[in-house]
């Protein structure tokens, strides 16, 4: 035991953070009834998902593309997060025919795809 270890105590290496799981929600930017696009929006959906996730995850960002919009959600357990948001995805009209990717870790980790 070194001098500084005696004075300050031995420093423990910080524990590795748990792997960050993700959910990617691909919303159709075309092909749904026009009334859906007029009455629903991603800001409202973001709020609903955030409330449902609580402390189990976050809606990190929303990326709009020419024919789709992608919502990126992150947390410690993608399956738990999905169980919390599934009722919203199943009922919010903008989510009709959405593709959902559940990923257990960083890109390249195992994934599961669900179509709403």
N, C-alpha and C. Protein backbone atom coordinates (compact mmCIF):
# COMPACT_ATOMS: atom_id res chain seq x y z
N UNK A 1 0.86 -1.17 0.00
CA UNK A 1 0.00 0.00 0.00
C UNK A 1 0.90 1.23 0.00
N UNK A 2 0.63 2.15 -0.96
CA UNK A 2 1.44 3.35 -1.08
C UNK A 2 1.07 4.41 -0.05
N UNK A 3 1.89 5.43 0.02
CA UNK A 3 1.70 6.52 0.97
C UNK A 3 0.33 7.19 0.81
N UNK A 4 -0.02 7.56 -0.43
CA UNK A 4 -1.29 8.24 -0.66
C UNK A 4 -2.48 7.32 -0.42
N UNK A 5 -2.31 6.03 -0.69
CA UNK A 5 -3.38 5.08 -0.40
C UNK A 5 -3.66 5.03 1.10
N UNK A 6 -2.61 5.14 1.92
CA UNK A 6 -2.79 5.14 3.38
C UNK A 6 -3.54 6.39 3.83
N UNK A 7 -3.24 7.52 3.21
CA UNK A 7 -3.86 8.79 3.62
C UNK A 7 -5.29 8.91 3.08
N UNK A 8 -5.45 8.66 1.79
CA UNK A 8 -6.74 8.91 1.14
C UNK A 8 -7.57 7.65 0.94
N UNK A 9 -7.00 6.51 1.20
CA UNK A 9 -7.71 5.26 0.92
C UNK A 9 -7.48 4.86 -0.53
N UNK A 10 -7.58 3.61 -0.78
CA UNK A 10 -7.36 3.12 -2.14
C UNK A 10 -8.54 3.50 -3.03
N UNK A 11 -8.25 4.08 -4.17
CA UNK A 11 -9.29 4.50 -5.10
C UNK A 11 -9.82 3.29 -5.86
N UNK A 12 -11.12 3.19 -5.90
CA UNK A 12 -11.77 2.14 -6.67
C UNK A 12 -12.02 2.66 -8.08
N UNK A 13 -11.82 1.82 -9.06
CA UNK A 13 -12.16 2.19 -10.43
C UNK A 13 -13.67 2.31 -10.52
N UNK A 14 -14.17 3.33 -11.21
CA UNK A 14 -15.62 3.47 -11.32
C UNK A 14 -16.21 2.26 -12.05
N UNK A 15 -17.40 1.87 -11.63
CA UNK A 15 -18.08 0.75 -12.28
C UNK A 15 -18.46 1.16 -13.69
N UNK A 16 -18.39 0.22 -14.59
CA UNK A 16 -18.78 0.49 -15.97
C UNK A 16 -20.28 0.74 -16.02
N UNK A 17 -20.70 1.75 -16.79
CA UNK A 17 -22.13 2.01 -16.88
C UNK A 17 -22.82 0.84 -17.59
N UNK A 18 -24.10 0.62 -17.30
CA UNK A 18 -24.80 -0.46 -18.00
C UNK A 18 -24.88 -0.13 -19.49
N UNK A 19 -24.98 -1.14 -20.32
CA UNK A 19 -25.06 -0.85 -21.76
C UNK A 19 -26.32 -0.03 -22.05
N UNK A 20 -26.20 0.92 -22.94
CA UNK A 20 -27.33 1.76 -23.27
C UNK A 20 -28.13 1.09 -24.38
N UNK A 21 -29.36 0.75 -24.07
CA UNK A 21 -30.26 0.16 -25.05
C UNK A 21 -30.97 1.28 -25.79
N UNK A 22 -31.49 0.94 -26.96
CA UNK A 22 -32.18 1.97 -27.74
C UNK A 22 -33.41 1.40 -28.41
N UNK A 23 -34.32 2.31 -28.72
CA UNK A 23 -35.48 2.02 -29.54
C UNK A 23 -35.52 3.08 -30.62
N UNK A 24 -35.63 2.65 -31.86
CA UNK A 24 -35.78 3.56 -32.98
C UNK A 24 -37.18 3.35 -33.54
N UNK A 25 -37.95 4.42 -33.65
CA UNK A 25 -39.31 4.35 -34.16
C UNK A 25 -39.34 5.07 -35.50
N UNK A 26 -39.65 4.33 -36.55
CA UNK A 26 -39.71 4.88 -37.91
C UNK A 26 -41.17 5.14 -38.26
N UNK A 27 -41.55 6.42 -38.31
CA UNK A 27 -42.91 6.81 -38.65
C UNK A 27 -42.99 7.08 -40.15
N UNK A 28 -44.11 6.69 -40.75
CA UNK A 28 -44.31 6.94 -42.17
C UNK A 28 -44.60 8.42 -42.39
N UNK A 29 -43.87 9.02 -43.31
CA UNK A 29 -44.09 10.42 -43.64
C UNK A 29 -45.07 10.60 -44.78
N UNK A 30 -45.52 9.49 -45.32
CA UNK A 30 -46.51 9.51 -46.39
C UNK A 30 -47.25 8.18 -46.38
N UNK A 31 -48.43 8.17 -46.96
CA UNK A 31 -49.17 6.92 -47.06
C UNK A 31 -50.28 6.73 -46.03
N UNK A 32 -50.28 7.55 -44.99
CA UNK A 32 -51.38 7.49 -44.03
C UNK A 32 -52.45 8.50 -44.48
N UNK A 33 -53.64 8.41 -43.91
CA UNK A 33 -54.72 9.33 -44.23
C UNK A 33 -54.26 10.77 -43.93
N UNK A 34 -54.59 11.70 -44.80
CA UNK A 34 -54.19 13.11 -44.62
C UNK A 34 -54.67 13.66 -43.28
N UNK A 35 -55.81 13.19 -42.79
CA UNK A 35 -56.34 13.67 -41.51
C UNK A 35 -55.38 13.34 -40.37
N UNK A 36 -54.66 12.24 -40.49
CA UNK A 36 -53.68 11.86 -39.46
C UNK A 36 -52.57 12.89 -39.41
N UNK A 37 -52.05 13.27 -40.57
CA UNK A 37 -50.95 14.24 -40.61
C UNK A 37 -51.40 15.63 -40.15
N UNK A 38 -52.69 15.93 -40.33
CA UNK A 38 -53.21 17.23 -39.89
C UNK A 38 -53.49 17.27 -38.40
N UNK A 39 -53.88 16.13 -37.83
CA UNK A 39 -54.30 16.12 -36.42
C UNK A 39 -53.24 15.60 -35.45
N UNK A 40 -52.20 14.97 -35.95
CA UNK A 40 -51.17 14.38 -35.08
C UNK A 40 -49.81 15.00 -35.40
N UNK A 41 -48.93 15.02 -34.42
CA UNK A 41 -47.59 15.56 -34.66
C UNK A 41 -46.58 14.88 -33.74
N UNK A 42 -45.32 15.00 -34.09
CA UNK A 42 -44.26 14.35 -33.33
C UNK A 42 -44.01 15.01 -31.98
N UNK A 43 -44.34 16.29 -31.84
CA UNK A 43 -44.16 16.97 -30.56
C UNK A 43 -45.10 16.34 -29.52
N UNK A 44 -46.35 16.13 -29.91
CA UNK A 44 -47.31 15.48 -29.01
C UNK A 44 -46.87 14.06 -28.71
N UNK A 45 -46.46 13.33 -29.74
CA UNK A 45 -46.00 11.96 -29.55
C UNK A 45 -44.80 11.92 -28.61
N UNK A 46 -43.86 12.82 -28.80
CA UNK A 46 -42.68 12.92 -27.91
C UNK A 46 -43.13 13.07 -26.46
N UNK A 47 -44.07 13.96 -26.21
CA UNK A 47 -44.56 14.18 -24.85
C UNK A 47 -45.22 12.94 -24.26
N UNK A 48 -46.01 12.25 -25.06
CA UNK A 48 -46.67 11.02 -24.59
C UNK A 48 -45.65 9.94 -24.26
N UNK A 49 -44.66 9.78 -25.13
CA UNK A 49 -43.63 8.75 -24.91
C UNK A 49 -42.78 9.09 -23.68
N UNK A 50 -42.42 10.36 -23.55
CA UNK A 50 -41.62 10.80 -22.40
C UNK A 50 -42.34 10.52 -21.10
N UNK A 51 -43.62 10.84 -21.05
CA UNK A 51 -44.42 10.59 -19.85
C UNK A 51 -44.50 9.09 -19.55
N UNK A 52 -44.71 8.28 -20.58
CA UNK A 52 -44.83 6.83 -20.39
C UNK A 52 -43.51 6.21 -19.92
N UNK A 53 -42.40 6.70 -20.44
CA UNK A 53 -41.09 6.14 -20.08
C UNK A 53 -40.71 6.48 -18.64
N UNK A 54 -41.11 7.64 -18.16
CA UNK A 54 -40.74 8.05 -16.80
C UNK A 54 -39.22 7.99 -16.64
N UNK A 55 -38.75 7.34 -15.59
CA UNK A 55 -37.32 7.24 -15.30
C UNK A 55 -36.65 6.10 -16.07
N UNK A 56 -37.40 5.38 -16.91
CA UNK A 56 -36.84 4.21 -17.59
C UNK A 56 -36.19 4.53 -18.93
N UNK A 57 -36.32 5.77 -19.40
CA UNK A 57 -35.71 6.11 -20.68
C UNK A 57 -36.02 7.53 -21.08
N UNK A 58 -35.44 7.95 -22.19
CA UNK A 58 -35.63 9.30 -22.71
C UNK A 58 -35.84 9.25 -24.23
N UNK A 59 -36.60 10.22 -24.71
CA UNK A 59 -36.67 10.46 -26.15
C UNK A 59 -35.54 11.43 -26.43
N UNK A 60 -34.50 10.94 -27.08
CA UNK A 60 -33.29 11.73 -27.25
C UNK A 60 -33.38 12.72 -28.41
N UNK A 61 -33.92 12.27 -29.53
CA UNK A 61 -33.98 13.15 -30.69
C UNK A 61 -35.01 12.64 -31.68
N UNK A 62 -35.36 13.53 -32.61
CA UNK A 62 -36.28 13.22 -33.70
C UNK A 62 -35.62 13.69 -34.98
N UNK A 63 -35.55 12.80 -35.95
CA UNK A 63 -34.92 13.12 -37.24
C UNK A 63 -35.97 13.01 -38.34
N UNK A 64 -36.20 14.11 -39.04
CA UNK A 64 -37.16 14.12 -40.14
C UNK A 64 -36.42 13.91 -41.46
N UNK A 65 -36.93 12.96 -42.23
CA UNK A 65 -36.38 12.67 -43.56
C UNK A 65 -37.48 12.89 -44.59
N UNK A 66 -37.15 12.69 -45.86
CA UNK A 66 -38.12 12.96 -46.93
C UNK A 66 -39.39 12.12 -46.79
N UNK A 67 -39.26 10.85 -46.46
CA UNK A 67 -40.44 9.97 -46.43
C UNK A 67 -40.68 9.32 -45.08
N UNK A 68 -39.90 9.70 -44.07
CA UNK A 68 -40.10 9.11 -42.75
C UNK A 68 -39.52 10.02 -41.68
N UNK A 69 -39.95 9.78 -40.46
CA UNK A 69 -39.42 10.47 -39.29
C UNK A 69 -38.98 9.40 -38.31
N UNK A 70 -37.80 9.58 -37.70
CA UNK A 70 -37.27 8.59 -36.77
C UNK A 70 -37.17 9.21 -35.39
N UNK A 71 -37.72 8.53 -34.40
CA UNK A 71 -37.57 8.94 -33.00
C UNK A 71 -36.54 8.01 -32.36
N UNK A 72 -35.59 8.58 -31.63
CA UNK A 72 -34.53 7.83 -30.98
C UNK A 72 -34.76 7.85 -29.47
N UNK A 73 -34.94 6.68 -28.88
CA UNK A 73 -35.16 6.55 -27.45
C UNK A 73 -34.01 5.75 -26.85
N UNK A 74 -33.56 6.15 -25.65
CA UNK A 74 -32.45 5.46 -24.99
C UNK A 74 -32.79 5.19 -23.54
N UNK A 75 -32.27 4.08 -23.03
CA UNK A 75 -32.46 3.71 -21.63
C UNK A 75 -31.69 2.44 -21.32
N UNK A 76 -31.88 1.92 -20.13
CA UNK A 76 -31.12 0.75 -19.68
C UNK A 76 -31.69 -0.57 -20.17
N UNK A 77 -32.97 -0.61 -20.59
CA UNK A 77 -33.61 -1.88 -20.94
C UNK A 77 -34.65 -1.63 -22.03
N UNK A 78 -34.32 -2.00 -23.27
CA UNK A 78 -35.22 -1.72 -24.39
C UNK A 78 -36.55 -2.46 -24.26
N UNK A 79 -36.54 -3.67 -23.74
CA UNK A 79 -37.79 -4.43 -23.58
C UNK A 79 -38.71 -3.74 -22.57
N UNK A 80 -38.16 -3.26 -21.46
CA UNK A 80 -38.95 -2.55 -20.47
C UNK A 80 -39.51 -1.26 -21.07
N UNK A 81 -38.66 -0.53 -21.79
CA UNK A 81 -39.12 0.70 -22.42
C UNK A 81 -40.25 0.42 -23.39
N UNK A 82 -40.10 -0.64 -24.19
CA UNK A 82 -41.13 -0.97 -25.17
C UNK A 82 -42.45 -1.32 -24.48
N UNK A 83 -42.38 -2.06 -23.39
CA UNK A 83 -43.61 -2.42 -22.68
C UNK A 83 -44.34 -1.17 -22.18
N UNK A 84 -43.60 -0.12 -21.87
CA UNK A 84 -44.20 1.12 -21.39
C UNK A 84 -44.81 1.97 -22.52
N UNK A 85 -44.20 1.93 -23.71
CA UNK A 85 -44.67 2.77 -24.80
C UNK A 85 -45.58 2.05 -25.78
N UNK A 86 -45.65 0.73 -25.71
CA UNK A 86 -46.48 -0.04 -26.65
C UNK A 86 -47.93 0.44 -26.70
N UNK A 87 -48.58 0.72 -25.56
CA UNK A 87 -49.96 1.20 -25.64
C UNK A 87 -50.11 2.50 -26.45
N UNK A 88 -49.11 3.37 -26.40
CA UNK A 88 -49.15 4.61 -27.17
C UNK A 88 -48.93 4.31 -28.65
N UNK A 89 -47.91 3.50 -28.95
CA UNK A 89 -47.62 3.17 -30.34
C UNK A 89 -48.81 2.47 -31.00
N UNK A 90 -49.53 1.68 -30.23
CA UNK A 90 -50.66 0.91 -30.77
C UNK A 90 -51.91 1.76 -31.00
N UNK A 91 -51.98 2.94 -30.37
CA UNK A 91 -53.20 3.73 -30.48
C UNK A 91 -53.02 5.11 -31.10
N UNK A 92 -51.83 5.68 -31.06
CA UNK A 92 -51.63 7.02 -31.62
C UNK A 92 -51.63 6.90 -33.15
N UNK A 93 -52.55 7.59 -33.84
CA UNK A 93 -52.71 7.37 -35.29
C UNK A 93 -51.44 7.56 -36.12
N UNK A 94 -50.56 8.45 -35.73
CA UNK A 94 -49.33 8.70 -36.49
C UNK A 94 -48.39 7.48 -36.47
N UNK A 95 -48.61 6.57 -35.52
CA UNK A 95 -47.75 5.40 -35.39
C UNK A 95 -48.23 4.21 -36.22
N UNK A 96 -49.36 4.37 -36.92
CA UNK A 96 -49.87 3.27 -37.73
C UNK A 96 -48.82 2.85 -38.76
N UNK A 97 -48.57 1.57 -38.84
CA UNK A 97 -47.59 0.98 -39.77
C UNK A 97 -46.15 1.39 -39.48
N UNK A 98 -45.88 1.88 -38.28
CA UNK A 98 -44.51 2.26 -37.91
C UNK A 98 -43.65 1.01 -37.75
N UNK A 99 -42.37 1.18 -38.02
CA UNK A 99 -41.38 0.13 -37.78
C UNK A 99 -40.63 0.52 -36.51
N UNK A 100 -40.50 -0.44 -35.59
CA UNK A 100 -39.83 -0.19 -34.32
C UNK A 100 -38.65 -1.16 -34.20
N UNK A 101 -37.49 -0.62 -33.92
CA UNK A 101 -36.28 -1.43 -33.73
C UNK A 101 -35.89 -1.34 -32.26
N UNK A 102 -35.79 -2.49 -31.60
CA UNK A 102 -35.29 -2.56 -30.22
C UNK A 102 -33.86 -3.08 -30.29
N UNK A 103 -32.92 -2.33 -29.73
CA UNK A 103 -31.51 -2.70 -29.78
C UNK A 103 -30.96 -2.80 -28.36
N UNK A 104 -30.34 -3.91 -28.06
CA UNK A 104 -29.77 -4.16 -26.73
C UNK A 104 -28.30 -3.77 -26.69
N UNK A 105 -28.02 -2.50 -26.81
CA UNK A 105 -26.64 -2.01 -26.77
C UNK A 105 -26.36 -1.08 -27.93
N UNK A 106 -25.09 -0.90 -28.22
CA UNK A 106 -24.66 0.02 -29.27
C UNK A 106 -24.97 -0.56 -30.65
N UNK A 107 -24.86 0.26 -31.71
CA UNK A 107 -25.08 -0.26 -33.06
C UNK A 107 -24.25 -1.52 -33.30
N UNK A 108 -24.89 -2.51 -33.91
CA UNK A 108 -24.25 -3.80 -34.14
C UNK A 108 -24.67 -4.83 -33.10
N UNK A 109 -25.31 -4.38 -32.02
CA UNK A 109 -25.81 -5.29 -30.99
C UNK A 109 -27.08 -5.98 -31.51
N UNK A 110 -27.50 -7.04 -30.82
CA UNK A 110 -28.73 -7.74 -31.25
C UNK A 110 -29.92 -6.79 -31.32
N UNK A 111 -30.75 -6.98 -32.35
CA UNK A 111 -31.92 -6.15 -32.56
C UNK A 111 -33.17 -7.02 -32.73
N UNK A 112 -34.31 -6.39 -32.46
CA UNK A 112 -35.59 -7.02 -32.72
C UNK A 112 -36.44 -5.98 -33.42
N UNK A 113 -37.10 -6.37 -34.52
CA UNK A 113 -37.93 -5.44 -35.30
C UNK A 113 -39.41 -5.79 -35.11
N UNK A 114 -40.20 -4.74 -34.90
CA UNK A 114 -41.65 -4.88 -34.71
C UNK A 114 -42.32 -3.92 -35.67
N UNK A 115 -43.40 -4.36 -36.31
CA UNK A 115 -44.21 -3.47 -37.13
C UNK A 115 -45.52 -3.25 -36.40
N UNK A 116 -45.89 -1.99 -36.25
CA UNK A 116 -47.12 -1.63 -35.53
C UNK A 116 -48.30 -1.77 -36.49
